[in-house]
């Protein structure tokens, strides 16, 4: 800095250095082309999908720079949306999840894990989506079906069975259990008939 004259008051060199700094500190997205769709499409299309991607559909929206993954588990379709900024990989991608079948804390953990993978580890988009799918599969695989509706994922609130009976240790969807209590006019377990409250 001293050699270019910034601290000695030499006008032309100081101005040149200042203009040079401003040129490099200017936001990079203003220098990039808004036509990022082709680049993003080719980047995702070149990544080979594994053979076990049944139920998973990945598409690219070139205009918005968005990669959308839709994964269907037991009639529930979850939608993962990854929006790549213009200056990606210099900026963090925006990731959203619709119809999460897990509690919001766990969904936030998955999204944070995916963001870290894409941004800090410079991971591929398809591999990040496959990592998210493995998390979903792992969570659904360990869950037992609700014995009231016989489904693992509830049809309206898209949640796994959470409410556990203290006696028989079976889990139920809260909505199903509420309907059971309402229709039977009792607060007993549907299986073991133990008092639930």
C-alpha atoms as a PDB file:
ATOM      1  CA  UNK A   1       0.000   0.000   0.000  1.00  0.00           C
ATOM      2  CA  UNK A   2       2.805   2.402   0.830  1.00  0.00           C
ATOM      3  CA  UNK A   3       4.562   1.760  -2.451  1.00  0.00           C
ATOM      4  CA  UNK A   4       1.562   2.812  -4.516  1.00  0.00           C
ATOM      5  CA  UNK A   5       1.463   6.186  -2.774  1.00  0.00           C
ATOM      6  CA  UNK A   6      -1.838   5.835  -0.913  1.00  0.00           C
ATOM      7  CA  UNK A   7      -0.319   6.930   2.363  1.00  0.00           C
ATOM      8  CA  UNK A   8       2.064   9.537   0.870  1.00  0.00           C
ATOM      9  CA  UNK A   9      -0.634  11.608  -0.758  1.00  0.00           C
ATOM     10  CA  UNK A  10       0.466  11.093  -4.354  1.00  0.00           C
ATOM     11  CA  UNK A  11      -2.759  11.738  -6.231  1.00  0.00           C
ATOM     12  CA  UNK A  12      -2.671   9.647  -9.427  1.00  0.00           C
ATOM     13  CA  UNK A  13      -1.286   6.482  -7.862  1.00  0.00           C
ATOM     14  CA  UNK A  14      -3.714   6.711  -4.938  1.00  0.00           C
ATOM     15  CA  UNK A  15      -6.676   7.162  -7.269  1.00  0.00           C
ATOM     16  CA  UNK A  16      -5.536   4.264  -9.435  1.00  0.00           C
ATOM     17  CA  UNK A  17      -5.181   1.996  -6.392  1.00  0.00           C
ATOM     18  CA  UNK A  18      -8.581   3.049  -5.098  1.00  0.00           C
ATOM     19  CA  UNK A  19     -10.249   2.347  -8.476  1.00  0.00           C
ATOM     20  CA  UNK A  20      -8.479  -1.001  -8.670  1.00  0.00           C
ATOM     21  CA  UNK A  21      -9.766  -1.971  -5.193  1.00  0.00           C
ATOM     22  CA  UNK A  22     -13.301  -0.850  -6.032  1.00  0.00           C
ATOM     23  CA  UNK A  23     -13.269  -2.894  -9.225  1.00  0.00           C
ATOM     24  CA  UNK A  24     -12.375  -6.065  -7.324  1.00  0.00           C
ATOM     25  CA  UNK A  25     -14.687  -5.375  -4.404  1.00  0.00           C
ATOM     26  CA  UNK A  26     -17.671  -4.784  -6.693  1.00  0.00           C
ATOM     27  CA  UNK A  27     -20.275  -7.538  -6.188  1.00  0.00           C
ATOM     28  CA  UNK A  28     -19.444 -10.402  -8.477  1.00  0.00           C
ATOM     29  CA  UNK A  29     -23.032 -11.147  -9.468  1.00  0.00           C
ATOM     30  CA  UNK A  30     -23.226  -7.875 -11.385  1.00  0.00           C
ATOM     31  CA  UNK A  31     -20.322  -9.069 -13.516  1.00  0.00           C
ATOM     32  CA  UNK A  32     -21.826 -12.472 -14.253  1.00  0.00           C
ATOM     33  CA  UNK A  33     -24.257 -13.293 -16.998  1.00  0.00           C
ATOM     34  CA  UNK A  34     -27.873 -13.850 -16.011  1.00  0.00           C
ATOM     35  CA  UNK A  35     -27.915 -16.723 -18.514  1.00  0.00           C
ATOM     36  CA  UNK A  36     -26.887 -19.297 -15.937  1.00  0.00           C
ATOM     37  CA  UNK A  37     -29.619 -21.767 -16.848  1.00  0.00           C
ATOM     38  CA  UNK A  38     -27.630 -23.598 -19.495  1.00  0.00           C
ATOM     39  CA  UNK A  39     -24.652 -23.967 -17.193  1.00  0.00           C
ATOM     40  CA  UNK A  40     -26.834 -25.264 -14.355  1.00  0.00           C
ATOM     41  CA  UNK A  41     -28.728 -27.664 -16.637  1.00  0.00           C
ATOM     42  CA  UNK A  42     -25.526 -29.121 -18.009  1.00  0.00           C
ATOM     43  CA  UNK A  43     -23.999 -29.389 -14.532  1.00  0.00           C
ATOM     44  CA  UNK A  44     -26.968 -31.374 -13.173  1.00  0.00           C
ATOM     45  CA  UNK A  45     -27.513 -33.389 -16.367  1.00  0.00           C
ATOM     46  CA  UNK A  46     -23.870 -34.531 -16.467  1.00  0.00           C
ATOM     47  CA  UNK A  47     -24.136 -36.060 -13.005  1.00  0.00           C
ATOM     48  CA  UNK A  48     -25.220 -39.662 -13.246  1.00  0.00           C
ATOM     49  CA  UNK A  49     -28.147 -40.716 -11.079  1.00  0.00           C
ATOM     50  CA  UNK A  50     -27.751 -43.991  -9.194  1.00  0.00           C
ATOM     51  CA  UNK A  51     -30.030 -46.856 -10.172  1.00  0.00           C
ATOM     52  CA  UNK A  52     -31.939 -46.817  -6.859  1.00  0.00           C
ATOM     53  CA  UNK A  53     -33.622 -43.444  -7.481  1.00  0.00           C
ATOM     54  CA  UNK A  54     -37.147 -44.872  -7.620  1.00  0.00           C
ATOM     55  CA  UNK A  55     -39.641 -42.239  -6.446  1.00  0.00           C
ATOM     56  CA  UNK A  56     -37.192 -39.372  -6.972  1.00  0.00           C
ATOM     57  CA  UNK A  57     -37.640 -36.834  -9.737  1.00  0.00           C
ATOM     58  CA  UNK A  58     -35.070 -34.068 -10.334  1.00  0.00           C
ATOM     59  CA  UNK A  59     -35.668 -31.151 -12.668  1.00  0.00           C
ATOM     60  CA  UNK A  60     -33.907 -27.871 -13.385  1.00  0.00           C
ATOM     61  CA  UNK A  61     -35.650 -24.520 -13.838  1.00  0.00           C
ATOM     62  CA  UNK A  62     -33.080 -22.620 -15.939  1.00  0.00           C
ATOM     63  CA  UNK A  63     -34.690 -19.178 -15.677  1.00  0.00           C
ATOM     64  CA  UNK A  64     -34.493 -19.025 -11.877  1.00  0.00           C
ATOM     65  CA  UNK A  65     -31.406 -21.198 -11.454  1.00  0.00           C
ATOM     66  CA  UNK A  66     -33.400 -23.649  -9.358  1.00  0.00           C
ATOM     67  CA  UNK A  67     -32.964 -27.389  -8.961  1.00  0.00           C
ATOM     68  CA  UNK A  68     -36.145 -29.086  -7.736  1.00  0.00           C
ATOM     69  CA  UNK A  69     -36.169 -32.602  -6.318  1.00  0.00           C
ATOM     70  CA  UNK A  70     -39.481 -34.300  -5.645  1.00  0.00           C
ATOM     71  CA  UNK A  71     -39.447 -37.513  -3.633  1.00  0.00           C
ATOM     72  CA  UNK A  72     -42.579 -39.590  -3.105  1.00  0.00           C
ATOM     73  CA  UNK A  73     -42.889 -41.807  -0.041  1.00  0.00           C
ATOM     74  CA  UNK A  74     -46.222 -43.522   0.654  1.00  0.00           C
ATOM     75  CA  UNK A  75     -48.355 -41.115  -1.380  1.00  0.00           C
ATOM     76  CA  UNK A  76     -46.640 -38.057   0.122  1.00  0.00           C
ATOM     77  CA  UNK A  77     -44.465 -35.993  -2.181  1.00  0.00           C
ATOM     78  CA  UNK A  78     -41.779 -33.914  -0.528  1.00  0.00           C
ATOM     79  CA  UNK A  79     -40.290 -31.065  -2.545  1.00  0.00           C
ATOM     80  CA  UNK A  80     -36.709 -29.886  -2.090  1.00  0.00           C
ATOM     81  CA  UNK A  81     -35.867 -26.629  -3.841  1.00  0.00           C
ATOM     82  CA  UNK A  82     -32.253 -25.486  -4.270  1.00  0.00           C
ATOM     83  CA  UNK A  83     -31.809 -22.007  -5.770  1.00  0.00           C
ATOM     84  CA  UNK A  84     -28.277 -21.307  -6.905  1.00  0.00           C
ATOM     85  CA  UNK A  85     -27.295 -17.618  -6.727  1.00  0.00           C
ATOM     86  CA  UNK A  86     -25.730 -15.958  -9.760  1.00  0.00           C
ATOM     87  CA  UNK A  87     -22.300 -15.963  -8.165  1.00  0.00           C
ATOM     88  CA  UNK A  88     -22.433 -19.545  -6.896  1.00  0.00           C
ATOM     89  CA  UNK A  89     -20.124 -21.094  -5.556  1.00  0.00           C
ATOM     90  CA  UNK A  90     -19.115 -17.769  -3.989  1.00  0.00           C
ATOM     91  CA  UNK A  91     -22.516 -17.360  -2.294  1.00  0.00           C
ATOM     92  CA  UNK A  92     -24.651 -19.772  -0.311  1.00  0.00           C
ATOM     93  CA  UNK A  93     -27.507 -21.484  -2.199  1.00  0.00           C
ATOM     94  CA  UNK A  94     -31.039 -21.003  -0.894  1.00  0.00           C
ATOM     95  CA  UNK A  95     -32.666 -24.310   0.099  1.00  0.00           C
ATOM     96  CA  UNK A  96     -36.303 -24.925   1.031  1.00  0.00           C
ATOM     97  CA  UNK A  97     -38.244 -28.055   1.919  1.00  0.00           C
ATOM     98  CA  UNK A  98     -42.014 -28.487   1.501  1.00  0.00           C
ATOM     99  CA  UNK A  99     -44.085 -31.202   3.217  1.00  0.00           C
ATOM    100  CA  UNK A 100     -41.363 -32.415   5.536  1.00  0.00           C
ATOM    101  CA  UNK A 101     -42.346 -35.693   7.185  1.00  0.00           C
ATOM    102  CA  UNK A 102     -40.080 -35.082  10.164  1.00  0.00           C
ATOM    103  CA  UNK A 103     -40.182 -32.512  12.965  1.00  0.00           C
ATOM    104  CA  UNK A 104     -39.014 -29.031  11.949  1.00  0.00           C
ATOM    105  CA  UNK A 105     -35.795 -29.313  14.010  1.00  0.00           C
ATOM    106  CA  UNK A 106     -34.722 -32.406  12.105  1.00  0.00           C
ATOM    107  CA  UNK A 107     -35.699 -30.841   8.751  1.00  0.00           C
ATOM    108  CA  UNK A 108     -33.602 -27.766   9.604  1.00  0.00           C
ATOM    109  CA  UNK A 109     -30.681 -30.027  10.474  1.00  0.00           C
ATOM    110  CA  UNK A 110     -30.977 -31.789   7.105  1.00  0.00           C
ATOM    111  CA  UNK A 111     -31.128 -28.466   5.237  1.00  0.00           C
ATOM    112  CA  UNK A 112     -28.109 -27.156   7.132  1.00  0.00           C
ATOM    113  CA  UNK A 113     -26.230 -30.361   6.323  1.00  0.00           C
ATOM    114  CA  UNK A 114     -27.130 -29.996   2.642  1.00  0.00           C
ATOM    115  CA  UNK A 115     -26.133 -26.310   2.596  1.00  0.00           C
ATOM    116  CA  UNK A 116     -22.774 -27.150   4.173  1.00  0.00           C
ATOM    117  CA  UNK A 117     -22.222 -29.930   1.656  1.00  0.00           C
ATOM    118  CA  UNK A 118     -23.013 -27.739  -1.355  1.00  0.00           C
ATOM    119  CA  UNK A 119     -21.268 -24.574  -0.178  1.00  0.00           C
ATOM    120  CA  UNK A 120     -18.347 -25.532   2.069  1.00  0.00           C
ATOM    121  CA  UNK A 121     -17.444 -28.913   0.597  1.00  0.00           C
ATOM    122  CA  UNK A 122     -18.204 -27.890  -3.009  1.00  0.00           C
ATOM    123  CA  UNK A 123     -20.314 -31.033  -3.413  1.00  0.00           C
ATOM    124  CA  UNK A 124     -22.338 -31.878  -6.488  1.00  0.00           C
ATOM    125  CA  UNK A 125     -26.021 -30.979  -6.510  1.00  0.00           C
ATOM    126  CA  UNK A 126     -27.191 -34.505  -7.325  1.00  0.00           C
ATOM    127  CA  UNK A 127     -25.033 -36.023  -4.572  1.00  0.00           C
ATOM    128  CA  UNK A 128     -26.499 -33.488  -2.118  1.00  0.00           C
ATOM    129  CA  UNK A 129     -30.020 -34.468  -3.157  1.00  0.00           C
ATOM    130  CA  UNK A 130     -29.148 -38.154  -2.785  1.00  0.00           C
ATOM    131  CA  UNK A 131     -27.775 -37.409   0.720  1.00  0.00           C
ATOM    132  CA  UNK A 132     -31.112 -35.742   1.586  1.00  0.00           C
ATOM    133  CA  UNK A 133     -32.994 -38.754   0.219  1.00  0.00           C
ATOM    134  CA  UNK A 134     -30.904 -41.151   2.335  1.00  0.00           C
ATOM    135  CA  UNK A 135     -31.809 -39.097   5.426  1.00  0.00           C
ATOM    136  CA  UNK A 136     -35.511 -39.349   4.553  1.00  0.00           C
ATOM    137  CA  UNK A 137     -35.267 -43.093   3.856  1.00  0.00           C
ATOM    138  CA  UNK A 138     -33.408 -43.696   7.118  1.00  0.00           C
ATOM    139  CA  UNK A 139     -36.091 -41.864   9.070  1.00  0.00           C
ATOM    140  CA  UNK A 140     -39.030 -43.606   7.351  1.00  0.00           C
ATOM    141  CA  UNK A 141     -37.370 -47.021   7.480  1.00  0.00           C
ATOM    142  CA  UNK A 142     -37.178 -47.010  11.277  1.00  0.00           C
ATOM    143  CA  UNK A 143     -40.777 -45.852  11.748  1.00  0.00           C
ATOM    144  CA  UNK A 144     -43.643 -48.242  12.325  1.00  0.00           C
ATOM    145  CA  UNK A 145     -47.033 -47.721  10.724  1.00  0.00           C
ATOM    146  CA  UNK A 146     -49.827 -46.218  12.789  1.00  0.00           C
ATOM    147  CA  UNK A 147     -52.179 -49.092  13.659  1.00  0.00           C
ATOM    148  CA  UNK A 148     -55.248 -46.882  13.354  1.00  0.00           C
ATOM    149  CA  UNK A 149     -54.804 -45.717   9.742  1.00  0.00           C
ATOM    150  CA  UNK A 150     -52.211 -48.365   8.753  1.00  0.00           C
ATOM    151  CA  UNK A 151     -49.958 -45.727   7.181  1.00  0.00           C
ATOM    152  CA  UNK A 152     -46.444 -44.660   8.126  1.00  0.00           C
ATOM    153  CA  UNK A 153     -46.947 -41.099   6.874  1.00  0.00           C
ATOM    154  CA  UNK A 154     -50.217 -39.359   7.707  1.00  0.00           C
ATOM    155  CA  UNK A 155     -52.177 -38.343   4.612  1.00  0.00           C
ATOM    156  CA  UNK A 156     -53.054 -34.778   5.686  1.00  0.00           C
ATOM    157  CA  UNK A 157     -50.273 -33.486   7.952  1.00  0.00           C
ATOM    158  CA  UNK A 158     -47.461 -35.606   6.391  1.00  0.00           C
ATOM    159  CA  UNK A 159     -46.015 -36.636   9.760  1.00  0.00           C
ATOM    160  CA  UNK A 160     -44.673 -39.907  11.120  1.00  0.00           C
ATOM    161  CA  UNK A 161     -46.380 -41.549  14.135  1.00  0.00           C
ATOM    162  CA  UNK A 162     -45.108 -39.778  17.264  1.00  0.00           C
ATOM    163  CA  UNK A 163     -47.523 -40.363  20.154  1.00  0.00           C
ATOM    164  CA  UNK A 164     -46.487 -43.468  22.094  1.00  0.00           C
ATOM    165  CA  UNK A 165     -48.629 -45.582  24.408  1.00  0.00           C
ATOM    166  CA  UNK A 166     -46.946 -46.083  27.783  1.00  0.00           C
ATOM    167  CA  UNK A 167     -48.171 -49.656  28.093  1.00  0.00           C
ATOM    168  CA  UNK A 168     -47.756 -51.336  24.700  1.00  0.00           C
ATOM    169  CA  UNK A 169     -45.171 -48.812  23.301  1.00  0.00           C
ATOM    170  CA  UNK A 170     -46.982 -48.547  19.942  1.00  0.00           C
ATOM    171  CA  UNK A 171     -46.875 -45.173  18.177  1.00  0.00           C
ATOM    172  CA  UNK A 172     -49.813 -43.384  16.583  1.00  0.00           C
ATOM    173  CA  UNK A 173     -50.415 -40.229  14.556  1.00  0.00           C
ATOM    174  CA  UNK A 174     -51.800 -37.526  16.802  1.00  0.00           C
ATOM    175  CA  UNK A 175     -54.681 -36.860  14.371  1.00  0.00           C
ATOM    176  CA  UNK A 176     -55.623 -40.554  14.248  1.00  0.00           C
ATOM    177  CA  UNK A 177     -55.505 -40.822  18.018  1.00  0.00           C
ATOM    178  CA  UNK A 178     -57.676 -37.727  18.382  1.00  0.00           C
ATOM    179  CA  UNK A 179     -60.276 -39.235  16.024  1.00  0.00           C
ATOM    180  CA  UNK A 180     -60.107 -42.520  17.950  1.00  0.00           C
ATOM    181  CA  UNK A 181     -60.728 -40.775  21.286  1.00  0.00           C
ATOM    182  CA  UNK A 182     -63.574 -38.782  19.751  1.00  0.00           C
ATOM    183  CA  UNK A 183     -65.324 -41.755  18.148  1.00  0.00           C
ATOM    184  CA  UNK A 184     -64.930 -44.135  21.102  1.00  0.00           C
ATOM    185  CA  UNK A 185     -65.702 -41.483  23.766  1.00  0.00           C
ATOM    186  CA  UNK A 186     -62.807 -42.922  25.784  1.00  0.00           C
ATOM    187  CA  UNK A 187     -59.147 -42.078  26.131  1.00  0.00           C
ATOM    188  CA  UNK A 188     -57.826 -45.619  25.857  1.00  0.00           C
ATOM    189  CA  UNK A 189     -55.164 -47.112  23.612  1.00  0.00           C
ATOM    190  CA  UNK A 190     -56.675 -48.630  20.429  1.00  0.00           C
ATOM    191  CA  UNK A 191     -54.570 -51.792  20.858  1.00  0.00           C
ATOM    192  CA  UNK A 192     -54.087 -52.603  24.537  1.00  0.00           C
ATOM    193  CA  UNK A 193     -57.028 -50.558  25.885  1.00  0.00           C
ATOM    194  CA  UNK A 194     -54.836 -49.060  28.605  1.00  0.00           C
ATOM    195  CA  UNK A 195     -55.754 -45.570  29.768  1.00  0.00           C
ATOM    196  CA  UNK A 196     -53.837 -43.111  27.600  1.00  0.00           C
ATOM    197  CA  UNK A 197     -53.975 -40.111  29.936  1.00  0.00           C
END
